[in-house]
Amino acid sequence: MIELRREGDVFVLQMDEGENRFNGSTVPALHAALDEVDASSGPAALVLTGTGKFFSNGLDLDWMATEEGRTDAAFFPDLHRVFGRVLGAPMVTVAAINGHAFAAGAMLSVACDIRVMRTDRGYWCLPEADLGMRLTPGMNAVVRAGLPPATLHEAIVTGRRYDAATALARGIVHEVAGEADVLPRAVALAAEHAPKRADILGTLKHDLHGSEIDLLLAGGT
């Protein structure tokens, strides 16, 4: 389930479906929530978060092994477009990393402008080297845009699981907070920047990451 609610000028998009894996149902739901945010007017910022011990555990590999998953040609392009919409949003976006953020879930978190990670539980990880999986061009684009080069190299090559303290030191996240404070802190940061919502902010982001955003919005291949 994808829930979108508003706290003042802040939209909170909360994933609440177990491990919050991406599949043929959750990705369209994310787009629908982003459509609602885009249709709003006035000051706004966006917080993305999960529930319990998971921010998002990435691709739903069980669904991908089904007939529906194997034949859904739109799945990866639509997932890449989610990354692109968040990365290039004309408002400040904040990831409240409440728990594990693995693989495509980690990628969604670094598409956000600001990341706040829970201190007492959860790892951030790009495990594709251990899974024997290649990153798509779109996935490479979003992690290139969101991570310092040395951290990106280490994360991809080693598949290291970063706890909150190490993620902060490596520039993966910007702040850390206890379980009860992760989401409130993310909302407070988002509210602080909500007045910046404007087309010019989207233009400025495109100036920074235009090639990555364009690739993602075109389907990421």
Protein backbone atom coordinates (compact mmCIF):
# COMPACT_ATOMS: atom_id res chain seq x y z
CA MET A 1 0.00 0.00 0.00
CA ILE A 2 1.22 3.48 -0.88
CA GLU A 3 -0.21 6.23 1.32
CA LEU A 4 0.07 9.92 0.54
CA ARG A 5 -0.85 12.43 3.19
CA ARG A 6 -0.16 16.09 3.76
CA GLU A 7 1.33 17.69 6.86
CA GLY A 8 1.10 21.42 6.26
CA ASP A 9 3.19 22.12 3.16
CA VAL A 10 4.81 18.69 3.26
CA PHE A 11 3.58 15.66 1.35
CA VAL A 12 4.50 12.39 3.07
CA LEU A 13 4.59 9.40 0.73
CA GLN A 14 4.70 6.28 2.88
CA MET A 15 5.27 2.78 1.58
CA ASP A 16 3.50 0.25 3.81
CA GLU A 17 3.60 -3.18 2.24
CA GLY A 18 5.93 -5.46 4.15
CA GLU A 19 9.41 -5.10 2.68
CA ASN A 20 8.14 -2.40 0.29
CA ARG A 21 9.49 -4.14 -2.77
CA PHE A 22 8.87 -2.76 -6.25
CA ASN A 23 6.56 -4.72 -8.55
CA GLY A 24 3.79 -4.27 -11.10
CA SER A 25 1.43 -2.88 -8.46
CA THR A 26 3.64 -0.70 -6.31
CA VAL A 27 5.37 1.22 -9.11
CA PRO A 28 2.10 2.48 -10.67
CA ALA A 29 0.95 3.42 -7.16
CA LEU A 30 4.12 5.48 -6.68
CA HIS A 31 3.44 7.26 -9.97
CA ALA A 32 -0.14 7.98 -8.92
CA ALA A 33 1.08 9.53 -5.67
CA LEU A 34 3.65 11.64 -7.52
CA ASP A 35 0.91 12.75 -9.94
CA GLU A 36 -1.11 14.01 -6.97
CA VAL A 37 1.89 15.92 -5.65
CA ASP A 38 2.56 17.42 -9.07
CA ALA A 39 -1.08 18.50 -9.39
CA SER A 40 -0.88 20.57 -6.21
CA SER A 41 -0.03 24.25 -6.10
CA GLY A 42 1.75 26.53 -3.71
CA PRO A 43 4.64 25.80 -1.34
CA ALA A 44 5.39 22.09 -1.02
CA ALA A 45 8.08 19.53 -0.34
CA LEU A 46 8.02 15.75 -0.43
CA VAL A 47 9.12 13.14 2.12
CA LEU A 48 9.46 9.48 1.14
CA THR A 49 9.51 6.83 3.85
CA GLY A 50 8.63 3.24 4.64
CA THR A 51 7.19 1.43 7.62
CA GLY A 52 8.70 -0.60 10.44
CA LYS A 53 12.11 -2.05 9.69
CA PHE A 54 12.01 -1.49 5.92
CA PHE A 55 12.37 1.63 3.83
CA SER A 56 12.43 -0.58 0.73
CA ASN A 57 14.13 -3.89 0.04
CA GLY A 58 14.26 -3.22 -3.70
CA LEU A 59 12.90 -5.31 -6.55
CA ASP A 60 10.22 -7.88 -5.85
CA LEU A 61 12.17 -10.86 -7.19
CA ASP A 62 9.33 -13.29 -6.45
CA TRP A 63 6.95 -11.23 -8.58
CA MET A 64 9.57 -10.89 -11.31
CA ALA A 65 9.77 -14.69 -11.51
CA THR A 66 6.03 -14.96 -12.26
CA GLU A 67 4.60 -14.89 -15.77
CA GLU A 68 3.30 -11.38 -15.16
CA GLY A 69 6.69 -10.19 -13.98
CA ARG A 70 8.59 -11.80 -16.84
CA THR A 71 6.33 -10.26 -19.47
CA ASP A 72 5.77 -6.79 -18.00
CA ALA A 73 7.88 -4.75 -20.43
CA ALA A 74 6.81 -1.48 -18.79
CA PHE A 75 8.09 -2.35 -15.31
CA PHE A 76 11.71 -1.22 -15.51
CA PRO A 77 11.01 1.91 -17.60
CA ASP A 78 8.28 2.91 -15.14
CA LEU A 79 10.57 2.29 -12.14
CA HIS A 80 13.28 4.38 -13.76
CA ARG A 81 10.74 7.16 -14.31
CA VAL A 82 9.94 7.13 -10.59
CA PHE A 83 13.63 7.71 -9.90
CA GLY A 84 13.73 10.47 -12.51
CA ARG A 85 10.64 12.22 -11.20
CA VAL A 86 12.03 12.30 -7.67
CA LEU A 87 15.54 13.31 -8.78
CA GLY A 88 14.24 16.18 -10.91
CA ALA A 89 11.25 17.25 -8.82
CA PRO A 90 10.69 21.04 -8.70
CA MET A 91 10.57 20.84 -4.91
CA VAL A 92 12.87 19.61 -2.18
CA THR A 93 12.62 15.87 -1.57
CA VAL A 94 13.67 14.13 1.64
CA ALA A 95 14.14 10.41 2.29
CA ALA A 96 13.26 9.32 5.83
CA ILE A 97 15.16 6.04 5.83
CA ASN A 98 13.32 4.26 8.62
CA GLY A 99 14.94 0.86 8.06
CA HIS A 100 16.66 -1.29 5.47
CA ALA A 101 17.23 0.37 2.09
CA PHE A 102 18.60 -2.21 -0.30
CA ALA A 103 19.22 -2.25 -4.06
CA ALA A 104 16.47 -0.32 -5.88
CA GLY A 105 15.21 0.88 -2.49
CA ALA A 106 18.63 2.40 -1.80
CA MET A 107 18.49 3.95 -5.28
CA LEU A 108 15.14 5.59 -4.52
CA SER A 109 16.57 7.06 -1.33
CA VAL A 110 19.50 8.71 -3.12
CA ALA A 111 17.19 10.18 -5.73
CA CYS A 112 16.07 12.45 -2.88
CA ASP A 113 17.83 15.73 -2.17
CA ILE A 114 18.25 15.09 1.57
CA ARG A 115 18.48 11.78 3.43
CA VAL A 116 17.86 11.11 7.12
CA MET A 117 18.64 7.58 8.35
CA ARG A 118 17.57 5.71 11.45
CA THR A 119 20.46 5.03 13.82
CA ASP A 120 19.42 1.86 15.66
CA ARG A 121 18.27 -0.44 12.85
CA GLY A 122 18.69 -0.81 9.13
CA TYR A 123 21.38 -0.90 6.49
CA TRP A 124 21.82 0.93 3.20
CA CYS A 125 23.24 -1.38 0.54
CA LEU A 126 23.75 -1.97 -3.17
CA PRO A 127 24.09 -5.80 -3.15
CA GLU A 128 24.12 -6.46 -6.89
CA ALA A 129 27.70 -7.82 -6.89
CA ASP A 130 26.64 -10.49 -4.43
CA LEU A 131 23.37 -11.16 -6.25
CA GLY A 132 25.07 -11.52 -9.61
CA MET A 133 22.92 -8.76 -11.09
CA ARG A 134 23.86 -5.88 -13.33
CA LEU A 135 22.60 -2.35 -12.76
CA THR A 136 20.54 -0.96 -15.60
CA PRO A 137 21.70 2.29 -17.23
CA GLY A 138 18.93 4.07 -15.31
CA MET A 139 20.03 2.59 -12.00
CA ASN A 140 23.61 3.60 -12.66
CA ALA A 141 22.38 7.10 -13.49
CA VAL A 142 20.52 7.62 -10.22
CA VAL A 143 23.34 6.38 -7.99
CA ARG A 144 25.87 8.46 -9.93
CA ALA A 145 23.73 11.52 -9.32
CA GLY A 146 23.22 10.85 -5.62
CA LEU A 147 26.53 9.54 -4.27
CA PRO A 148 30.12 10.78 -3.96
CA PRO A 149 32.29 8.96 -6.54
CA ALA A 150 34.48 7.11 -4.02
CA THR A 151 31.45 5.93 -2.06
CA LEU A 152 29.70 4.87 -5.25
CA HIS A 153 32.69 2.77 -6.27
CA GLU A 154 32.94 1.12 -2.87
CA ALA A 155 29.21 0.48 -2.60
CA ILE A 156 28.93 -1.17 -6.03
CA VAL A 157 32.16 -3.16 -5.97
CA THR A 158 31.97 -4.45 -2.40
CA GLY A 159 28.21 -4.61 -1.76
CA ARG A 160 28.95 -3.20 1.69
CA ARG A 161 26.11 -2.82 4.14
CA TYR A 162 26.34 0.67 5.61
CA ASP A 163 24.94 1.37 9.04
CA ALA A 164 23.76 4.89 9.80
CA ALA A 165 27.06 6.16 11.23
CA THR A 166 29.07 4.88 8.26
CA ALA A 167 26.46 6.08 5.77
CA LEU A 168 26.78 9.55 7.28
CA ALA A 169 30.56 9.46 7.13
CA ARG A 170 30.50 8.28 3.48
CA GLY A 171 28.07 10.97 2.32
CA ILE A 172 25.20 8.57 1.63
CA VAL A 173 22.96 10.35 4.14
CA HIS A 174 22.99 13.87 5.52
CA GLU A 175 21.65 13.28 9.03
CA VAL A 176 20.91 10.40 11.38
CA ALA A 177 18.22 10.16 14.04
CA GLY A 178 16.64 7.69 16.43
CA GLU A 179 13.64 5.61 15.40
CA ALA A 180 11.07 8.03 16.78
CA ASP A 181 12.75 11.07 15.24
CA VAL A 182 13.58 10.00 11.68
CA LEU A 183 10.27 10.94 10.11
CA PRO A 184 9.63 14.08 12.20
CA ARG A 185 13.13 15.33 11.37
CA ALA A 186 12.60 14.64 7.67
CA VAL A 187 9.26 16.47 7.74
CA ALA A 188 10.84 19.42 9.54
CA LEU A 189 13.61 19.65 6.94
CA ALA A 190 11.08 19.41 4.14
CA ALA A 191 8.88 22.11 5.68
CA GLU A 192 11.88 24.42 5.96
CA HIS A 193 12.43 24.18 2.21
CA ALA A 194 8.81 24.02 1.03
CA PRO A 195 8.78 27.70 -0.06
CA LYS A 196 11.44 26.86 -2.67
CA ARG A 197 8.94 24.84 -4.73
CA ALA A 198 9.06 26.40 -8.19
CA ASP A 199 9.88 25.57 -11.80
CA ILE A 200 13.27 27.20 -11.35
CA LEU A 201 14.21 24.57 -8.76
CA GLY A 202 13.48 21.86 -11.31
CA THR A 203 15.61 23.75 -13.81
CA LEU A 204 18.47 24.03 -11.33
CA LYS A 205 18.31 20.31 -10.64
CA HIS A 206 18.34 19.62 -14.36
CA ASP A 207 21.41 21.82 -14.70
CA LEU A 208 23.09 19.58 -12.11
CA HIS A 209 21.90 16.17 -13.31
CA GLY A 210 20.29 16.75 -16.69
CA SER A 211 21.74 13.71 -18.46
CA GLU A 212 20.72 11.40 -15.64
CA ILE A 213 17.21 12.86 -15.33
CA ASP A 214 16.62 12.74 -19.08
CA LEU A 215 17.77 9.13 -19.27
CA LEU A 216 15.53 8.10 -16.38
CA LEU A 217 12.44 9.90 -17.66
CA ALA A 218 12.99 8.31 -21.07
CA GLY A 219 12.81 4.86 -19.46
CA GLY A 220 16.39 4.38 -18.31
CA THR A 221 17.71 2.20 -21.11
